[in-house]
Amino acid sequence: MSKFGELIDVEIPVLLDFYKELNNQSEPMHLVLRDVAAALGDKAKVIKIDVEKNQELAEALRVKTLPTLIIYKSGEMKWRQSGEQDANTLIGKIQEYI
């Protein structure tokens, strides 16, 4: 959990994508996130978190539905949404916190 604190306690927005590796529905979202990361460059971070490998974190954040997307900035949760989102929506949402 201390590593998690280091990940989110930064001055730029951090988009977390909670997913399950063996979930076929995750693939389209991975492509969207790749586009988001490319569009934002070093203005934001995009981090994928496999709930199977990070069960304690997923439980602590009460992640029930996949994908769950969360934006943090300076260690504070700014936005959270469950379900798939398109790249333009996510880019716009992250830009609110840049």
C-alpha atoms as a PDB file:
ATOM      1  CA  MET A   1       0.000   0.000   0.000  1.00  0.00           C
ATOM      2  CA  SER A   2       2.901   2.405   0.582  1.00  0.00           C
ATOM      3  CA  LYS A   3       3.837   2.041  -3.081  1.00  0.00           C
ATOM      4  CA  PHE A   4       0.276   3.032  -3.953  1.00  0.00           C
ATOM      5  CA  GLY A   5       0.694   6.237  -1.979  1.00  0.00           C
ATOM      6  CA  GLU A   6       3.835   7.030  -3.955  1.00  0.00           C
ATOM      7  CA  LEU A   7       1.977   6.418  -7.235  1.00  0.00           C
ATOM      8  CA  ILE A   8      -0.870   8.808  -6.524  1.00  0.00           C
ATOM      9  CA  ASP A   9       0.873  11.505  -4.479  1.00  0.00           C
ATOM     10  CA  VAL A  10       2.210  13.422  -7.482  1.00  0.00           C
ATOM     11  CA  GLU A  11       1.449  16.833  -8.961  1.00  0.00           C
ATOM     12  CA  ILE A  12       0.110  15.461 -12.247  1.00  0.00           C
ATOM     13  CA  PRO A  13      -3.193  13.588 -12.604  1.00  0.00           C
ATOM     14  CA  VAL A  14      -2.971   9.795 -12.339  1.00  0.00           C
ATOM     15  CA  LEU A  15      -5.632   7.679 -14.052  1.00  0.00           C
ATOM     16  CA  LEU A  16      -5.958   4.210 -12.538  1.00  0.00           C
ATOM     17  CA  ASP A  17      -7.672   1.449 -14.493  1.00  0.00           C
ATOM     18  CA  PHE A  18      -8.719  -1.515 -12.364  1.00  0.00           C
ATOM     19  CA  TYR A  19      -9.158  -4.565 -14.591  1.00  0.00           C
ATOM     20  CA  LYS A  20      -8.872  -8.364 -14.620  1.00  0.00           C
ATOM     21  CA  GLU A  21      -6.190  -9.911 -16.857  1.00  0.00           C
ATOM     22  CA  LEU A  22      -8.288 -12.824 -18.094  1.00  0.00           C
ATOM     23  CA  ASN A  23     -11.310 -10.700 -18.925  1.00  0.00           C
ATOM     24  CA  ASN A  24     -11.906 -10.439 -22.690  1.00  0.00           C
ATOM     25  CA  GLN A  25     -13.847  -7.219 -22.147  1.00  0.00           C
ATOM     26  CA  SER A  26     -10.667  -5.519 -20.880  1.00  0.00           C
ATOM     27  CA  GLU A  27      -8.957  -5.426 -24.285  1.00  0.00           C
ATOM     28  CA  PRO A  28     -10.990  -2.572 -25.854  1.00  0.00           C
ATOM     29  CA  MET A  29     -10.399  -0.481 -22.717  1.00  0.00           C
ATOM     30  CA  HIS A  30      -6.638  -1.143 -22.903  1.00  0.00           C
ATOM     31  CA  LEU A  31      -6.625   0.314 -26.417  1.00  0.00           C
ATOM     32  CA  VAL A  32      -8.525   3.393 -25.213  1.00  0.00           C
ATOM     33  CA  LEU A  33      -6.061   3.874 -22.355  1.00  0.00           C
ATOM     34  CA  ARG A  34      -3.116   3.587 -24.732  1.00  0.00           C
ATOM     35  CA  ASP A  35      -4.632   6.405 -26.797  1.00  0.00           C
ATOM     36  CA  VAL A  36      -5.247   8.494 -23.671  1.00  0.00           C
ATOM     37  CA  ALA A  37      -1.654   8.025 -22.497  1.00  0.00           C
ATOM     38  CA  ALA A  38      -0.308   8.938 -25.942  1.00  0.00           C
ATOM     39  CA  ALA A  39      -2.491  12.054 -26.153  1.00  0.00           C
ATOM     40  CA  LEU A  40      -1.513  13.358 -22.716  1.00  0.00           C
ATOM     41  CA  GLY A  41       2.177  12.443 -22.785  1.00  0.00           C
ATOM     42  CA  ASP A  42       3.963  13.505 -19.603  1.00  0.00           C
ATOM     43  CA  LYS A  43       1.067  15.710 -18.429  1.00  0.00           C
ATOM     44  CA  ALA A  44      -0.578  12.705 -16.751  1.00  0.00           C
ATOM     45  CA  LYS A  45       0.048   9.064 -15.847  1.00  0.00           C
ATOM     46  CA  VAL A  46      -2.104   6.115 -16.876  1.00  0.00           C
ATOM     47  CA  ILE A  47      -1.674   3.026 -14.704  1.00  0.00           C
ATOM     48  CA  LYS A  48      -3.407  -0.331 -15.163  1.00  0.00           C
ATOM     49  CA  ILE A  49      -3.967  -2.350 -11.992  1.00  0.00           C
ATOM     50  CA  ASP A  50      -4.878  -6.041 -12.192  1.00  0.00           C
ATOM     51  CA  VAL A  51      -7.348  -6.717  -9.361  1.00  0.00           C
ATOM     52  CA  GLU A  52      -6.266 -10.366  -9.193  1.00  0.00           C
ATOM     53  CA  LYS A  53      -2.690  -9.334  -8.323  1.00  0.00           C
ATOM     54  CA  ASN A  54      -3.751  -6.383  -6.149  1.00  0.00           C
ATOM     55  CA  GLN A  55      -6.744  -7.737  -4.229  1.00  0.00           C
ATOM     56  CA  GLU A  56      -5.954  -5.828  -1.038  1.00  0.00           C
ATOM     57  CA  LEU A  57      -5.868  -2.500  -2.872  1.00  0.00           C
ATOM     58  CA  ALA A  58      -9.024  -3.288  -4.862  1.00  0.00           C
ATOM     59  CA  GLU A  59     -10.852  -4.179  -1.630  1.00  0.00           C
ATOM     60  CA  ALA A  60      -9.574  -1.054   0.153  1.00  0.00           C
ATOM     61  CA  LEU A  61     -10.912   1.107  -2.690  1.00  0.00           C
ATOM     62  CA  ARG A  62     -14.135  -0.940  -2.886  1.00  0.00           C
ATOM     63  CA  VAL A  63     -13.661  -1.824  -6.542  1.00  0.00           C
ATOM     64  CA  LYS A  64     -16.659  -4.024  -7.415  1.00  0.00           C
ATOM     65  CA  THR A  65     -17.218  -3.449 -11.137  1.00  0.00           C
ATOM     66  CA  LEU A  66     -14.613  -3.729 -13.892  1.00  0.00           C
ATOM     67  CA  PRO A  67     -13.295  -1.630 -15.309  1.00  0.00           C
ATOM     68  CA  THR A  68     -13.240   0.960 -12.547  1.00  0.00           C
ATOM     69  CA  LEU A  69     -11.429   4.169 -13.472  1.00  0.00           C
ATOM     70  CA  ILE A  70     -10.157   6.592 -10.820  1.00  0.00           C
ATOM     71  CA  ILE A  71      -8.295   9.876 -11.195  1.00  0.00           C
ATOM     72  CA  TYR A  72      -6.017  11.026  -8.381  1.00  0.00           C
ATOM     73  CA  LYS A  73      -4.038  14.233  -8.087  1.00  0.00           C
ATOM     74  CA  SER A  74      -1.714  15.091  -5.196  1.00  0.00           C
ATOM     75  CA  GLY A  75      -2.912  11.968  -3.369  1.00  0.00           C
ATOM     76  CA  GLU A  76      -6.576  12.973  -3.513  1.00  0.00           C
ATOM     77  CA  MET A  77      -9.283  11.134  -5.445  1.00  0.00           C
ATOM     78  CA  LYS A  78     -10.811  13.584  -7.922  1.00  0.00           C
ATOM     79  CA  TRP A  79     -13.069  11.383 -10.072  1.00  0.00           C
ATOM     80  CA  ARG A  80     -14.287   7.791 -10.189  1.00  0.00           C
ATOM     81  CA  GLN A  81     -16.376   5.900 -12.722  1.00  0.00           C
ATOM     82  CA  SER A  82     -17.178   2.244 -13.290  1.00  0.00           C
ATOM     83  CA  GLY A  83     -17.646   0.923 -16.801  1.00  0.00           C
ATOM     84  CA  GLU A  84     -15.978   1.645 -20.094  1.00  0.00           C
ATOM     85  CA  GLN A  85     -15.313   5.201 -21.207  1.00  0.00           C
ATOM     86  CA  ASP A  86     -14.164   6.519 -24.570  1.00  0.00           C
ATOM     87  CA  ALA A  87     -10.768   8.179 -25.045  1.00  0.00           C
ATOM     88  CA  ASN A  88     -12.123  11.704 -25.594  1.00  0.00           C
ATOM     89  CA  THR A  89     -14.170  11.580 -22.385  1.00  0.00           C
ATOM     90  CA  LEU A  90     -11.180  10.417 -20.366  1.00  0.00           C
ATOM     91  CA  ILE A  91      -8.818  12.949 -21.927  1.00  0.00           C
ATOM     92  CA  GLY A  92     -11.274  15.748 -21.187  1.00  0.00           C
ATOM     93  CA  LYS A  93     -11.771  14.565 -17.618  1.00  0.00           C
ATOM     94  CA  ILE A  94      -8.008  14.344 -16.960  1.00  0.00           C
ATOM     95  CA  GLN A  95      -7.407  17.775 -18.526  1.00  0.00           C
ATOM     96  CA  GLU A  96      -9.679  19.275 -15.883  1.00  0.00           C
ATOM     97  CA  TYR A  97      -6.969  18.444 -13.330  1.00  0.00           C
ATOM     98  CA  ILE A  98      -3.853  19.409 -15.312  1.00  0.00           C
END
